[in-house]
Every structure is written in C-alpha cells, then in structure tokens.
Amino acid sequence: MSLTDEAISRIRALVRSGDLPPGARLPPEHQLAAQLGVSRNPLREAVKALVVARVLDVRRG
C-alpha cells in the first residue's frame, strides 16, 4: 500500500470514527502529516483524492 493510500484510509477512518465531524476543519498540514505518519506530499495527494471522492470539501480561508 502506498503512503498516499495509507493516508486516505486513515483520514477516512477519522471521518467514520467522528474524530473529524462534518464541517470540521482538518488540523494544520504539518500536524496532520505527523499524526498520520506520512510526509506532506502524500498527505496533499490524499486530500486531493478525497476531495474528488467527495469525502472532503476544500474551502480556502
């Protein structure tokens, strides 16, 4: 399993468990990467994939 796939599955698990409830903001990128045990690049790819899959909604600001 690639690091991106691992990050995707861990973020999905956070959403399913309620640790990331609907409408909640993700932790800062460096903090979430450390929490998931991946570098920032695979984390960014995972977030992009989850946005495409409509699991996450990106709002700037």
PDB file of N, CA and C in Angstrom:
ATOM      1  N   MET A   1       0.855  -1.179   0.000  1.00  0.00           N
ATOM      2  CA  MET A   1       0.000   0.000   0.000  1.00  0.00           C
ATOM      3  C   MET A   1       0.900   1.241   0.000  1.00  0.00           C
ATOM      4  N   SER A   2       0.602   2.184  -0.875  1.00  0.00           N
ATOM      5  CA  SER A   2       1.407   3.408  -0.950  1.00  0.00           C
ATOM      6  C   SER A   2       1.102   4.309   0.249  1.00  0.00           C
ATOM      7  N   LEU A   3       1.979   5.255   0.470  1.00  0.00           N
ATOM      8  CA  LEU A   3       1.775   6.194   1.574  1.00  0.00           C
ATOM      9  C   LEU A   3       0.514   7.026   1.365  1.00  0.00           C
ATOM     10  N   THR A   4       0.241   7.370   0.109  1.00  0.00           N
ATOM     11  CA  THR A   4      -0.980   8.129  -0.185  1.00  0.00           C
ATOM     12  C   THR A   4      -2.211   7.309   0.150  1.00  0.00           C
ATOM     13  N   ASP A   5      -2.219   6.039  -0.254  1.00  0.00           N
ATOM     14  CA  ASP A   5      -3.354   5.162   0.050  1.00  0.00           C
ATOM     15  C   ASP A   5      -3.532   4.988   1.556  1.00  0.00           C
ATOM     16  N   GLU A   6      -2.419   4.888   2.255  1.00  0.00           N
ATOM     17  CA  GLU A   6      -2.479   4.759   3.714  1.00  0.00           C
ATOM     18  C   GLU A   6      -3.077   6.018   4.341  1.00  0.00           C
ATOM     19  N   ALA A   7      -2.654   7.180   3.852  1.00  0.00           N
ATOM     20  CA  ALA A   7      -3.190   8.442   4.367  1.00  0.00           C
ATOM     21  C   ALA A   7      -4.686   8.547   4.068  1.00  0.00           C
ATOM     22  N   ILE A   8      -5.091   8.123   2.877  1.00  0.00           N
ATOM     23  CA  ILE A   8      -6.519   8.142   2.516  1.00  0.00           C
ATOM     24  C   ILE A   8      -7.318   7.286   3.482  1.00  0.00           C
ATOM     25  N   SER A   9      -6.858   6.078   3.723  1.00  0.00           N
ATOM     26  CA  SER A   9      -7.614   5.186   4.611  1.00  0.00           C
ATOM     27  C   SER A   9      -7.643   5.712   6.041  1.00  0.00           C
ATOM     28  N   ARG A  10      -6.566   6.336   6.499  1.00  0.00           N
ATOM     29  CA  ARG A  10      -6.550   6.877   7.861  1.00  0.00           C
ATOM     30  C   ARG A  10      -7.457   8.097   7.993  1.00  0.00           C
ATOM     31  N   ILE A  11      -7.495   8.949   6.978  1.00  0.00           N
ATOM     32  CA  ILE A  11      -8.390  10.106   7.031  1.00  0.00           C
ATOM     33  C   ILE A  11      -9.835   9.637   6.992  1.00  0.00           C
ATOM     34  N   ARG A  12     -10.129   8.652   6.142  1.00  0.00           N
ATOM     35  CA  ARG A  12     -11.487   8.088   6.107  1.00  0.00           C
ATOM     36  C   ARG A  12     -11.872   7.517   7.475  1.00  0.00           C
ATOM     37  N   ALA A  13     -10.924   6.865   8.136  1.00  0.00           N
ATOM     38  CA  ALA A  13     -11.184   6.309   9.465  1.00  0.00           C
ATOM     39  C   ALA A  13     -11.477   7.420  10.474  1.00  0.00           C
ATOM     40  N   LEU A  14     -10.765   8.532  10.370  1.00  0.00           N
ATOM     41  CA  LEU A  14     -11.023   9.672  11.267  1.00  0.00           C
ATOM     42  C   LEU A  14     -12.429  10.226  11.047  1.00  0.00           C
ATOM     43  N   VAL A  15     -12.859  10.267   9.790  1.00  0.00           N
ATOM     44  CA  VAL A  15     -14.203  10.757   9.488  1.00  0.00           C
ATOM     45  C   VAL A  15     -15.255   9.774  10.021  1.00  0.00           C
ATOM     46  N   ARG A  16     -15.045   8.489   9.765  1.00  0.00           N
ATOM     47  CA  ARG A  16     -16.005   7.468  10.222  1.00  0.00           C
ATOM     48  C   ARG A  16     -16.117   7.414  11.744  1.00  0.00           C
ATOM     49  N   SER A  17     -14.982   7.595  12.429  1.00  0.00           N
ATOM     50  CA  SER A  17     -14.992   7.492  13.893  1.00  0.00           C
ATOM     51  C   SER A  17     -15.586   8.728  14.563  1.00  0.00           C
ATOM     52  N   GLY A  18     -15.731   9.805  13.796  1.00  0.00           N
ATOM     53  CA  GLY A  18     -16.265  11.031  14.373  1.00  0.00           C
ATOM     54  C   GLY A  18     -15.204  11.981  14.886  1.00  0.00           C
ATOM     55  N   ASP A  19     -13.926  11.589  14.760  1.00  0.00           N
ATOM     56  CA  ASP A  19     -12.849  12.492  15.166  1.00  0.00           C
ATOM     57  C   ASP A  19     -12.786  13.715  14.257  1.00  0.00           C
ATOM     58  N   LEU A  20     -13.274  13.570  13.028  1.00  0.00           N
ATOM     59  CA  LEU A  20     -13.421  14.699  12.097  1.00  0.00           C
ATOM     60  C   LEU A  20     -14.894  14.771  11.707  1.00  0.00           C
ATOM     61  N   PRO A  21     -15.709  15.447  12.507  1.00  0.00           N
ATOM     62  CA  PRO A  21     -17.137  15.516  12.210  1.00  0.00           C
ATOM     63  C   PRO A  21     -17.418  16.379  10.977  1.00  0.00           C
ATOM     64  N   PRO A  22     -18.591  16.238  10.389  1.00  0.00           N
ATOM     65  CA  PRO A  22     -18.946  17.053   9.216  1.00  0.00           C
ATOM     66  C   PRO A  22     -18.786  18.539   9.516  1.00  0.00           C
ATOM     67  N   GLY A  23     -18.146  19.236   8.595  1.00  0.00           N
ATOM     68  CA  GLY A  23     -17.941  20.666   8.743  1.00  0.00           C
ATOM     69  C   GLY A  23     -16.705  21.055   9.527  1.00  0.00           C
ATOM     70  N   ALA A  24     -16.045  20.079  10.143  1.00  0.00           N
ATOM     71  CA  ALA A  24     -14.848  20.378  10.933  1.00  0.00           C
ATOM     72  C   ALA A  24     -13.669  20.664  10.016  1.00  0.00           C
ATOM     73  N   ARG A  25     -12.755  21.462  10.514  1.00  0.00           N
ATOM     74  CA  ARG A  25     -11.544  21.754   9.760  1.00  0.00           C
ATOM     75  C   ARG A  25     -10.521  20.662  10.024  1.00  0.00           C
ATOM     76  N   LEU A  26      -9.732  20.373   9.007  1.00  0.00           N
ATOM     77  CA  LEU A  26      -8.604  19.473   9.203  1.00  0.00           C
ATOM     78  C   LEU A  26      -7.556  20.190  10.044  1.00  0.00           C
ATOM     79  N   PRO A  27      -6.773  19.446  10.811  1.00  0.00           N
ATOM     80  CA  PRO A  27      -5.665  20.069  11.531  1.00  0.00           C
ATOM     81  C   PRO A  27      -4.676  20.671  10.525  1.00  0.00           C
ATOM     82  N   PRO A  28      -3.789  21.547  10.973  1.00  0.00           N
ATOM     83  CA  PRO A  28      -2.771  22.080  10.061  1.00  0.00           C
ATOM     84  C   PRO A  28      -2.014  20.939   9.375  1.00  0.00           C
ATOM     85  N   GLU A  29      -1.577  21.210   8.157  1.00  0.00           N
ATOM     86  CA  GLU A  29      -0.964  20.174   7.321  1.00  0.00           C
ATOM     87  C   GLU A  29       0.178  19.447   8.026  1.00  0.00           C
ATOM     88  N   HIS A  30       1.084  20.182   8.646  1.00  0.00           N
ATOM     89  CA  HIS A  30       2.225  19.538   9.300  1.00  0.00           C
ATOM     90  C   HIS A  30       1.783  18.671  10.479  1.00  0.00           C
ATOM     91  N   GLN A  31       0.775  19.101  11.178  1.00  0.00           N
ATOM     92  CA  GLN A  31       0.276  18.344  12.327  1.00  0.00           C
ATOM     93  C   GLN A  31      -0.430  17.071  11.866  1.00  0.00           C
ATOM     94  N   LEU A  32      -1.272  17.180  10.835  1.00  0.00           N
ATOM     95  CA  LEU A  32      -1.983  16.007  10.331  1.00  0.00           C
ATOM     96  C   LEU A  32      -1.005  15.006   9.727  1.00  0.00           C
ATOM     97  N   ALA A  33       0.013  15.492   9.018  1.00  0.00           N
ATOM     98  CA  ALA A  33       1.024  14.598   8.450  1.00  0.00           C
ATOM     99  C   ALA A  33       1.736  13.825   9.560  1.00  0.00           C
ATOM    100  N   ALA A  34       2.080  14.510  10.629  1.00  0.00           N
ATOM    101  CA  ALA A  34       2.740  13.840  11.754  1.00  0.00           C
ATOM    102  C   ALA A  34       1.801  12.844  12.421  1.00  0.00           C
ATOM    103  N   GLN A  35       0.539  13.211  12.568  1.00  0.00           N
ATOM    104  CA  GLN A  35      -0.449  12.327  13.195  1.00  0.00           C
ATOM    105  C   GLN A  35      -0.641  11.053  12.376  1.00  0.00           C
ATOM    106  N   LEU A  36      -0.624  11.192  11.049  1.00  0.00           N
ATOM    107  CA  LEU A  36      -0.830  10.036  10.177  1.00  0.00           C
ATOM    108  C   LEU A  36       0.457   9.285   9.877  1.00  0.00           C
ATOM    109  N   GLY A  37       1.589   9.883  10.207  1.00  0.00           N
ATOM    110  CA  GLY A  37       2.868   9.218   9.984  1.00  0.00           C
ATOM    111  C   GLY A  37       3.316   9.232   8.532  1.00  0.00           C
ATOM    112  N   VAL A  38       2.923  10.269   7.793  1.00  0.00           N
ATOM    113  CA  VAL A  38       3.338  10.408   6.392  1.00  0.00           C
ATOM    114  C   VAL A  38       3.925  11.802   6.196  1.00  0.00           C
ATOM    115  N   SER A  39       4.633  11.987   5.089  1.00  0.00           N
ATOM    116  CA  SER A  39       5.143  13.323   4.785  1.00  0.00           C
ATOM    117  C   SER A  39       4.029  14.165   4.176  1.00  0.00           C
ATOM    118  N   ARG A  40       4.339  15.415   3.936  1.00  0.00           N
ATOM    119  CA  ARG A  40       3.298  16.336   3.473  1.00  0.00           C
ATOM    120  C   ARG A  40       2.848  16.040   2.045  1.00  0.00           C
ATOM    121  N   ASN A  41       3.745  15.576   1.175  1.00  0.00           N
ATOM    122  CA  ASN A  41       3.350  15.305  -0.206  1.00  0.00           C
ATOM    123  C   ASN A  41       2.288  14.210  -0.319  1.00  0.00           C
ATOM    124  N   PRO A  42       2.476  13.037   0.303  1.00  0.00           N
ATOM    125  CA  PRO A  42       1.401  12.038   0.246  1.00  0.00           C
ATOM    126  C   PRO A  42       0.110  12.528   0.902  1.00  0.00           C
ATOM    127  N   LEU A  43       0.237  13.361   1.939  1.00  0.00           N
ATOM    128  CA  LEU A  43      -0.949  13.920   2.583  1.00  0.00           C
ATOM    129  C   LEU A  43      -1.714  14.806   1.606  1.00  0.00           C
ATOM    130  N   ARG A  44      -0.996  15.644   0.875  1.00  0.00           N
ATOM    131  CA  ARG A  44      -1.646  16.512  -0.112  1.00  0.00           C
ATOM    132  C   ARG A  44      -2.351  15.696  -1.178  1.00  0.00           C
ATOM    133  N   GLU A  45      -1.698  14.637  -1.649  1.00  0.00           N
ATOM    134  CA  GLU A  45      -2.309  13.770  -2.664  1.00  0.00           C
ATOM    135  C   GLU A  45      -3.555  13.089  -2.099  1.00  0.00           C
ATOM    136  N   ALA A  46      -3.498  12.678  -0.839  1.00  0.00           N
ATOM    137  CA  ALA A  46      -4.652  12.035  -0.204  1.00  0.00           C
ATOM    138  C   ALA A  46      -5.819  12.998  -0.098  1.00  0.00           C
ATOM    139  N   VAL A  47      -5.543  14.233   0.297  1.00  0.00           N
ATOM    140  CA  VAL A  47      -6.609  15.227   0.416  1.00  0.00           C
ATOM    141  C   VAL A  47      -7.224  15.488  -0.953  1.00  0.00           C
ATOM    142  N   LYS A  48      -6.397  15.608  -1.993  1.00  0.00           N
ATOM    143  CA  LYS A  48      -6.919  15.812  -3.346  1.00  0.00           C
ATOM    144  C   LYS A  48      -7.824  14.656  -3.755  1.00  0.00           C
ATOM    145  N   ALA A  49      -7.400  13.436  -3.477  1.00  0.00           N
ATOM    146  CA  ALA A  49      -8.200  12.256  -3.832  1.00  0.00           C
ATOM    147  C   ALA A  49      -9.516  12.242  -3.066  1.00  0.00           C
ATOM    148  N   LEU A  50      -9.491  12.625  -1.807  1.00  0.00           N
ATOM    149  CA  LEU A  50     -10.720  12.630  -1.009  1.00  0.00           C
ATOM    150  C   LEU A  50     -11.656  13.757  -1.411  1.00  0.00           C
ATOM    151  N   VAL A  51     -11.116  14.835  -1.939  1.00  0.00           N
ATOM    152  CA  VAL A  51     -11.964  15.914  -2.466  1.00  0.00           C
ATOM    153  C   VAL A  51     -12.670  15.418  -3.719  1.00  0.00           C
ATOM    154  N   VAL A  52     -11.937  14.735  -4.597  1.00  0.00           N
ATOM    155  CA  VAL A  52     -12.529  14.187  -5.823  1.00  0.00           C
ATOM    156  C   VAL A  52     -13.612  13.165  -5.469  1.00  0.00           C
ATOM    157  N   ALA A  53     -13.370  12.370  -4.418  1.00  0.00           N
ATOM    158  CA  ALA A  53     -14.324  11.351  -3.987  1.00  0.00           C
ATOM    159  C   ALA A  53     -15.471  11.946  -3.166  1.00  0.00           C
ATOM    160  N   ARG A  54     -15.440  13.274  -2.963  1.00  0.00           N
ATOM    161  CA  ARG A  54     -16.453  13.997  -2.201  1.00  0.00           C
ATOM    162  C   ARG A  54     -16.543  13.584  -0.732  1.00  0.00           C
ATOM    163  N   VAL A  55     -15.415  13.152  -0.192  1.00  0.00           N
ATOM    164  CA  VAL A  55     -15.346  12.862   1.238  1.00  0.00           C
ATOM    165  C   VAL A  55     -14.996  14.139   1.983  1.00  0.00           C
ATOM    166  N   LEU A  56     -14.141  14.961   1.372  1.00  0.00           N
ATOM    167  CA  LEU A  56     -13.745  16.240   1.952  1.00  0.00           C
ATOM    168  C   LEU A  56     -14.184  17.361   1.031  1.00  0.00           C
ATOM    169  N   ASP A  57     -14.393  18.523   1.622  1.00  0.00           N
ATOM    170  CA  ASP A  57     -14.734  19.722   0.873  1.00  0.00           C
ATOM    171  C   ASP A  57     -13.695  20.773   1.225  1.00  0.00           C
ATOM    172  N   VAL A  58     -12.990  21.282   0.226  1.00  0.00           N
ATOM    173  CA  VAL A  58     -11.947  22.259   0.468  1.00  0.00           C
ATOM    174  C   VAL A  58     -12.532  23.659   0.351  1.00  0.00           C
ATOM    175  N   ARG A  59     -12.339  24.415   1.412  1.00  0.00           N
ATOM    176  CA  ARG A  59     -12.742  25.830   1.420  1.00  0.00           C
ATOM    177  C   ARG A  59     -11.531  26.632   1.836  1.00  0.00           C
ATOM    178  N   ARG A  60     -11.137  27.557   1.052  1.00  0.00           N
ATOM    179  CA  ARG A  60      -9.961  28.379   1.335  1.00  0.00           C
ATOM    180  C   ARG A  60     -10.310  29.449   2.375  1.00  0.00           C
ATOM    181  N   GLY A  61      -9.311  29.755   3.184  1.00  0.00           N
ATOM    182  CA  GLY A  61      -9.529  30.847   4.109  1.00  0.00           C
ATOM    183  C   GLY A  61      -9.288  30.549   5.525  1.00  0.00           C
TER     184      GLY A  61
END
